[in-house]
Amino acid sequence: MPEQSELVWRRTVARAVSASDASALPIHFRAEVLTRYLERGAKVLRSDTVGRLMQPGNAVIDFGIVADDSVIHLRYGDLVSLVPESEREHWLEHLAAPDVSRSFLAMTLQPGACHDDGPLREWEPATQD
């Protein structure tokens, strides 16, 4: 049985897919992304797993906290609507990649290019205990 956080994540993704709305999908960042704002006088309030970045004169940004406080996540829609364009490069420099297939992403970035990452074979799904 999946844990609660995985069930909520699945529901979040399912809702975004059914609504054809990627704005609700979470994007992860190393928590150091917030240091710049703290140095500028912003405040971060938090509970165990949720935080709020409050900057004078700017929008409040709510985010999730995971991985022993080393990673935060927010919705894609909040990133593009609440983070000023002039600050987005800073956020992108702190992206935290989830587990991904490097070869698959390279294929999507450069369609038609050759990407050899091993011999072709039939898929044999891993069994779950």
N, C-alpha and C. Protein backbone atom coordinates (compact mmCIF):
# COMPACT_ATOMS: atom_id res chain seq x y z
N MET A 1 0.84 -1.18 0.00
CA MET A 1 0.00 0.00 0.00
C MET A 1 0.89 1.25 0.00
N PRO A 2 0.68 2.15 -0.92
CA PRO A 2 1.49 3.38 -0.94
C PRO A 2 1.26 4.21 0.31
N GLU A 3 2.30 4.96 0.71
CA GLU A 3 2.16 5.83 1.87
C GLU A 3 1.29 7.03 1.53
N GLN A 4 0.83 7.75 2.55
CA GLN A 4 -0.09 8.88 2.37
C GLN A 4 0.44 9.91 1.38
N SER A 5 1.72 10.30 1.50
CA SER A 5 2.25 11.34 0.62
C SER A 5 2.22 10.89 -0.84
N GLU A 6 2.47 9.60 -1.09
CA GLU A 6 2.39 9.11 -2.47
C GLU A 6 0.95 9.13 -2.98
N LEU A 7 0.00 8.80 -2.13
CA LEU A 7 -1.40 8.83 -2.54
C LEU A 7 -1.84 10.25 -2.90
N VAL A 8 -1.42 11.23 -2.10
CA VAL A 8 -1.77 12.62 -2.38
C VAL A 8 -1.08 13.07 -3.66
N TRP A 9 0.18 12.68 -3.85
CA TRP A 9 0.90 13.03 -5.09
C TRP A 9 0.18 12.44 -6.30
N ARG A 10 -0.23 11.18 -6.21
CA ARG A 10 -0.95 10.54 -7.32
C ARG A 10 -2.24 11.30 -7.64
N ARG A 11 -2.97 11.70 -6.60
CA ARG A 11 -4.21 12.45 -6.79
C ARG A 11 -3.94 13.80 -7.44
N THR A 12 -2.86 14.46 -7.03
CA THR A 12 -2.48 15.75 -7.61
C THR A 12 -2.19 15.61 -9.09
N VAL A 13 -1.39 14.61 -9.45
CA VAL A 13 -1.05 14.39 -10.85
C VAL A 13 -2.29 13.99 -11.65
N ALA A 14 -3.12 13.11 -11.09
CA ALA A 14 -4.33 12.67 -11.78
C ALA A 14 -5.26 13.86 -12.06
N ARG A 15 -5.41 14.73 -11.09
CA ARG A 15 -6.27 15.90 -11.28
C ARG A 15 -5.70 16.81 -12.37
N ALA A 16 -4.38 17.02 -12.37
CA ALA A 16 -3.74 17.87 -13.39
C ALA A 16 -3.92 17.26 -14.77
N VAL A 17 -3.76 15.96 -14.88
CA VAL A 17 -3.90 15.28 -16.17
C VAL A 17 -5.35 15.33 -16.64
N SER A 18 -6.30 15.04 -15.76
CA SER A 18 -7.70 15.03 -16.18
C SER A 18 -8.18 16.42 -16.58
N ALA A 19 -7.59 17.46 -15.99
CA ALA A 19 -7.97 18.83 -16.33
C ALA A 19 -7.08 19.42 -17.44
N SER A 20 -6.12 18.62 -17.92
CA SER A 20 -5.14 19.12 -18.91
C SER A 20 -4.50 20.42 -18.41
N ASP A 21 -4.13 20.43 -17.14
CA ASP A 21 -3.60 21.63 -16.49
C ASP A 21 -2.32 21.30 -15.74
N ALA A 22 -1.18 21.55 -16.36
CA ALA A 22 0.11 21.24 -15.75
C ALA A 22 0.48 22.20 -14.62
N SER A 23 -0.28 23.25 -14.43
CA SER A 23 0.08 24.25 -13.42
C SER A 23 0.10 23.70 -12.00
N ALA A 24 -0.59 22.59 -11.75
CA ALA A 24 -0.63 22.02 -10.40
C ALA A 24 0.52 21.05 -10.12
N LEU A 25 1.31 20.74 -11.13
CA LEU A 25 2.38 19.76 -10.93
C LEU A 25 3.52 20.35 -10.11
N PRO A 26 4.04 19.57 -9.17
CA PRO A 26 5.11 20.08 -8.31
C PRO A 26 6.46 20.08 -9.01
N ILE A 27 7.24 21.13 -8.71
CA ILE A 27 8.62 21.25 -9.17
C ILE A 27 9.47 21.36 -7.92
N HIS A 28 10.57 20.61 -7.89
CA HIS A 28 11.42 20.54 -6.70
C HIS A 28 12.68 21.40 -6.84
N PHE A 29 13.07 22.00 -5.72
CA PHE A 29 14.25 22.86 -5.67
C PHE A 29 15.04 22.55 -4.41
N ARG A 30 16.36 22.72 -4.49
CA ARG A 30 17.17 22.64 -3.28
C ARG A 30 16.76 23.80 -2.37
N ALA A 31 16.67 23.54 -1.10
CA ALA A 31 16.16 24.53 -0.15
C ALA A 31 17.01 25.80 -0.10
N GLU A 32 18.28 25.72 -0.53
CA GLU A 32 19.11 26.92 -0.53
C GLU A 32 18.56 28.02 -1.42
N VAL A 33 17.62 27.70 -2.29
CA VAL A 33 17.01 28.73 -3.13
C VAL A 33 16.44 29.87 -2.26
N LEU A 34 16.07 29.57 -1.03
CA LEU A 34 15.45 30.57 -0.16
C LEU A 34 16.47 31.50 0.50
N THR A 35 17.74 31.11 0.53
CA THR A 35 18.76 31.91 1.22
C THR A 35 18.81 33.34 0.71
N ARG A 36 18.74 33.52 -0.60
CA ARG A 36 18.78 34.86 -1.19
C ARG A 36 17.70 35.76 -0.58
N TYR A 37 16.53 35.21 -0.39
CA TYR A 37 15.41 36.00 0.11
C TYR A 37 15.56 36.32 1.59
N LEU A 38 16.08 35.36 2.35
CA LEU A 38 16.34 35.61 3.77
C LEU A 38 17.38 36.72 3.94
N GLU A 39 18.41 36.70 3.08
CA GLU A 39 19.44 37.74 3.13
C GLU A 39 18.88 39.11 2.78
N ARG A 40 17.78 39.14 2.05
CA ARG A 40 17.14 40.40 1.67
C ARG A 40 16.05 40.83 2.64
N GLY A 41 15.90 40.13 3.74
CA GLY A 41 14.93 40.52 4.75
C GLY A 41 13.60 39.80 4.71
N ALA A 42 13.47 38.82 3.84
CA ALA A 42 12.23 38.04 3.81
C ALA A 42 12.17 37.14 5.04
N LYS A 43 10.98 36.65 5.33
CA LYS A 43 10.78 35.69 6.41
C LYS A 43 10.24 34.41 5.83
N VAL A 44 10.66 33.31 6.42
CA VAL A 44 10.09 32.01 6.07
C VAL A 44 9.49 31.43 7.34
N LEU A 45 8.20 31.18 7.29
CA LEU A 45 7.51 30.49 8.38
C LEU A 45 7.24 29.08 7.91
N ARG A 46 7.24 28.14 8.83
CA ARG A 46 7.06 26.75 8.43
C ARG A 46 6.42 25.92 9.52
N SER A 47 5.82 24.83 9.07
CA SER A 47 5.41 23.76 9.97
C SER A 47 6.39 22.63 9.71
N ASP A 48 6.01 21.39 9.97
CA ASP A 48 6.94 20.29 9.72
C ASP A 48 7.20 20.07 8.23
N THR A 49 6.16 20.22 7.39
CA THR A 49 6.31 19.87 5.97
C THR A 49 5.80 20.92 5.00
N VAL A 50 5.43 22.09 5.51
CA VAL A 50 4.91 23.16 4.65
C VAL A 50 5.57 24.47 5.08
N GLY A 51 5.92 25.31 4.09
CA GLY A 51 6.53 26.59 4.40
C GLY A 51 5.88 27.72 3.62
N ARG A 52 6.19 28.95 4.05
CA ARG A 52 5.65 30.15 3.40
C ARG A 52 6.76 31.19 3.36
N LEU A 53 7.10 31.63 2.15
CA LEU A 53 8.07 32.70 1.94
C LEU A 53 7.31 34.01 1.87
N MET A 54 7.65 34.92 2.79
CA MET A 54 6.98 36.22 2.84
C MET A 54 8.03 37.30 2.62
N GLN A 55 7.85 38.06 1.53
CA GLN A 55 8.76 39.12 1.16
C GLN A 55 8.01 40.44 1.13
N PRO A 56 8.55 41.46 1.75
CA PRO A 56 7.86 42.75 1.70
C PRO A 56 7.65 43.21 0.26
N GLY A 57 6.42 43.56 -0.07
CA GLY A 57 6.11 44.07 -1.40
C GLY A 57 5.97 43.02 -2.49
N ASN A 58 6.10 41.75 -2.15
CA ASN A 58 5.97 40.67 -3.14
C ASN A 58 4.94 39.65 -2.69
N ALA A 59 4.55 38.81 -3.62
CA ALA A 59 3.56 37.77 -3.32
C ALA A 59 4.10 36.77 -2.31
N VAL A 60 3.21 36.22 -1.52
CA VAL A 60 3.54 35.12 -0.61
C VAL A 60 3.65 33.85 -1.44
N ILE A 61 4.68 33.05 -1.18
CA ILE A 61 4.88 31.81 -1.91
C ILE A 61 4.84 30.66 -0.91
N ASP A 62 3.86 29.78 -1.06
CA ASP A 62 3.75 28.60 -0.22
C ASP A 62 4.47 27.44 -0.90
N PHE A 63 5.07 26.55 -0.10
CA PHE A 63 5.82 25.43 -0.65
C PHE A 63 5.80 24.25 0.31
N GLY A 64 6.10 23.07 -0.23
CA GLY A 64 6.25 21.87 0.58
C GLY A 64 7.70 21.69 0.96
N ILE A 65 7.95 20.97 2.05
CA ILE A 65 9.30 20.71 2.53
C ILE A 65 9.48 19.20 2.64
N VAL A 66 10.54 18.68 2.03
CA VAL A 66 10.82 17.24 2.06
C VAL A 66 12.31 16.99 2.22
N ALA A 67 12.67 15.72 2.28
CA ALA A 67 14.06 15.27 2.29
C ALA A 67 14.88 15.94 3.39
N ASP A 68 14.39 15.80 4.63
CA ASP A 68 15.11 16.37 5.78
C ASP A 68 15.41 17.85 5.61
N ASP A 69 14.45 18.59 5.10
CA ASP A 69 14.54 20.04 4.91
C ASP A 69 15.49 20.47 3.81
N SER A 70 16.02 19.55 3.02
CA SER A 70 16.98 19.93 1.98
C SER A 70 16.32 20.24 0.64
N VAL A 71 15.05 19.89 0.49
CA VAL A 71 14.34 20.10 -0.77
C VAL A 71 12.98 20.71 -0.47
N ILE A 72 12.60 21.68 -1.31
CA ILE A 72 11.26 22.24 -1.24
C ILE A 72 10.58 22.02 -2.59
N HIS A 73 9.27 22.10 -2.61
CA HIS A 73 8.57 22.01 -3.89
C HIS A 73 7.39 22.96 -3.90
N LEU A 74 7.11 23.47 -5.08
CA LEU A 74 5.93 24.30 -5.28
C LEU A 74 5.32 23.95 -6.62
N ARG A 75 4.12 24.41 -6.82
CA ARG A 75 3.42 24.11 -8.06
C ARG A 75 4.00 24.93 -9.20
N TYR A 76 4.05 24.32 -10.37
CA TYR A 76 4.54 25.02 -11.56
C TYR A 76 3.79 26.34 -11.74
N GLY A 77 2.50 26.32 -11.57
CA GLY A 77 1.69 27.53 -11.74
C GLY A 77 2.09 28.64 -10.78
N ASP A 78 2.45 28.27 -9.55
CA ASP A 78 2.91 29.28 -8.60
C ASP A 78 4.28 29.82 -8.99
N LEU A 79 5.13 28.96 -9.52
CA LEU A 79 6.44 29.43 -9.97
C LEU A 79 6.29 30.51 -11.03
N VAL A 80 5.44 30.28 -12.03
CA VAL A 80 5.32 31.26 -13.11
C VAL A 80 4.44 32.46 -12.76
N SER A 81 3.54 32.31 -11.79
CA SER A 81 2.68 33.44 -11.47
C SER A 81 3.15 34.26 -10.27
N LEU A 82 3.90 33.65 -9.35
CA LEU A 82 4.29 34.35 -8.13
C LEU A 82 5.77 34.75 -8.09
N VAL A 83 6.60 34.03 -8.81
CA VAL A 83 8.03 34.36 -8.83
C VAL A 83 8.26 35.31 -10.00
N PRO A 84 8.76 36.52 -9.72
CA PRO A 84 8.99 37.46 -10.81
C PRO A 84 9.94 36.88 -11.86
N GLU A 85 9.71 37.25 -13.11
CA GLU A 85 10.54 36.74 -14.20
C GLU A 85 12.02 36.96 -13.93
N SER A 86 12.36 38.10 -13.32
CA SER A 86 13.76 38.41 -13.04
C SER A 86 14.38 37.47 -12.00
N GLU A 87 13.56 36.72 -11.26
CA GLU A 87 14.05 35.80 -10.24
C GLU A 87 14.02 34.35 -10.68
N ARG A 88 13.40 34.05 -11.80
CA ARG A 88 13.21 32.65 -12.20
C ARG A 88 14.51 31.92 -12.49
N GLU A 89 15.49 32.61 -13.06
CA GLU A 89 16.78 31.97 -13.33
C GLU A 89 17.41 31.49 -12.02
N HIS A 90 17.28 32.29 -10.97
CA HIS A 90 17.78 31.89 -9.65
C HIS A 90 17.13 30.58 -9.20
N TRP A 91 15.82 30.49 -9.36
CA TRP A 91 15.12 29.27 -8.98
C TRP A 91 15.58 28.09 -9.84
N LEU A 92 15.72 28.32 -11.13
CA LEU A 92 16.14 27.24 -12.03
C LEU A 92 17.54 26.73 -11.70
N GLU A 93 18.40 27.60 -11.19
CA GLU A 93 19.74 27.18 -10.77
C GLU A 93 19.69 26.23 -9.58
N HIS A 94 18.57 26.20 -8.88
CA HIS A 94 18.42 25.36 -7.69
C HIS A 94 17.47 24.18 -7.91
N LEU A 95 17.16 23.87 -9.16
CA LEU A 95 16.29 22.72 -9.43
C LEU A 95 16.86 21.46 -8.79
N ALA A 96 15.99 20.66 -8.23
CA ALA A 96 16.36 19.37 -7.67
C ALA A 96 15.68 18.31 -8.52
N ALA A 97 16.46 17.53 -9.22
CA ALA A 97 15.91 16.54 -10.14
C ALA A 97 15.40 15.31 -9.39
N PRO A 98 14.18 14.89 -9.71
CA PRO A 98 13.71 13.59 -9.19
C PRO A 98 14.42 12.49 -9.98
N ASP A 99 14.20 11.25 -9.62
CA ASP A 99 14.77 10.15 -10.39
C ASP A 99 14.19 10.18 -11.80
N VAL A 100 15.07 10.23 -12.80
CA VAL A 100 14.65 10.30 -14.19
C VAL A 100 15.55 9.44 -15.05
N SER A 101 15.07 9.11 -16.23
CA SER A 101 15.89 8.45 -17.24
C SER A 101 16.57 9.54 -18.06
N ARG A 102 17.88 9.67 -17.90
CA ARG A 102 18.63 10.68 -18.65
C ARG A 102 18.46 10.46 -20.14
N SER A 103 18.51 9.22 -20.58
CA SER A 103 18.39 8.93 -22.01
C SER A 103 17.03 9.35 -22.56
N PHE A 104 15.95 9.06 -21.82
CA PHE A 104 14.62 9.44 -22.29
C PHE A 104 14.50 10.95 -22.41
N LEU A 105 14.96 11.68 -21.40
CA LEU A 105 14.87 13.13 -21.47
C LEU A 105 15.72 13.68 -22.61
N ALA A 106 16.90 13.10 -22.84
CA ALA A 106 17.74 13.53 -23.96
C ALA A 106 17.01 13.28 -25.28
N MET A 107 16.30 12.18 -25.38
CA MET A 107 15.53 11.87 -26.60
C MET A 107 14.44 12.91 -26.83
N THR A 108 13.80 13.36 -25.76
CA THR A 108 12.72 14.34 -25.93
C THR A 108 13.28 15.72 -26.26
N LEU A 109 14.50 15.99 -25.81
CA LEU A 109 15.12 17.28 -26.12
C LEU A 109 15.68 17.32 -27.54
N GLN A 110 16.08 16.16 -28.05
CA GLN A 110 16.68 16.09 -29.38
C GLN A 110 16.08 14.91 -30.14
N PRO A 111 14.81 15.04 -30.58
CA PRO A 111 14.15 13.94 -31.28
C PRO A 111 14.91 13.52 -32.53
N GLY A 112 14.92 12.24 -32.78
CA GLY A 112 15.57 11.72 -33.98
C GLY A 112 17.04 11.43 -33.81
N ALA A 113 17.66 11.90 -32.74
CA ALA A 113 19.07 11.64 -32.51
C ALA A 113 19.24 10.22 -31.99
N CYS A 114 20.40 9.67 -32.18
CA CYS A 114 20.70 8.31 -31.71
C CYS A 114 21.06 8.37 -30.23
N HIS A 115 20.42 7.53 -29.44
CA HIS A 115 20.69 7.47 -28.00
C HIS A 115 20.85 6.00 -27.62
N ASP A 116 22.08 5.52 -27.62
CA ASP A 116 22.35 4.13 -27.32
C ASP A 116 22.64 3.99 -25.83
N ASP A 117 21.76 3.31 -25.12
CA ASP A 117 22.03 3.07 -23.70
C ASP A 117 21.88 1.59 -23.36
N GLY A 118 22.16 0.75 -24.33
CA GLY A 118 22.16 -0.69 -24.07
C GLY A 118 21.36 -1.45 -25.11
N PRO A 119 21.46 -2.76 -25.08
CA PRO A 119 20.75 -3.58 -26.06
C PRO A 119 19.24 -3.58 -25.84
N LEU A 120 18.49 -3.74 -26.92
CA LEU A 120 17.03 -3.86 -26.81
C LEU A 120 16.68 -5.24 -26.27
N ARG A 121 15.68 -5.28 -25.41
CA ARG A 121 15.22 -6.55 -24.85
C ARG A 121 13.76 -6.37 -24.42
N GLU A 122 13.10 -7.49 -24.19
CA GLU A 122 11.71 -7.41 -23.74
C GLU A 122 11.66 -6.89 -22.31
N TRP A 123 10.59 -6.14 -22.03
CA TRP A 123 10.40 -5.59 -20.70
C TRP A 123 9.96 -6.67 -19.74
N GLU A 124 10.60 -6.71 -18.59
CA GLU A 124 10.19 -7.61 -17.53
C GLU A 124 10.00 -6.77 -16.28
N PRO A 125 8.74 -6.39 -16.00
CA PRO A 125 8.49 -5.52 -14.85
C PRO A 125 8.99 -6.12 -13.54
N ALA A 126 9.51 -5.27 -12.71
CA ALA A 126 9.96 -5.71 -11.38
C ALA A 126 8.73 -6.07 -10.55
N THR A 127 8.84 -7.06 -9.74
CA THR A 127 7.72 -7.43 -8.87
C THR A 127 7.83 -6.66 -7.58
N GLN A 128 6.67 -6.30 -7.04
CA GLN A 128 6.66 -5.61 -5.74
C GLN A 128 6.34 -6.61 -4.66
N ASP A 129 7.04 -6.48 -3.56
CA ASP A 129 6.82 -7.41 -2.44
C ASP A 129 5.55 -7.12 -1.72
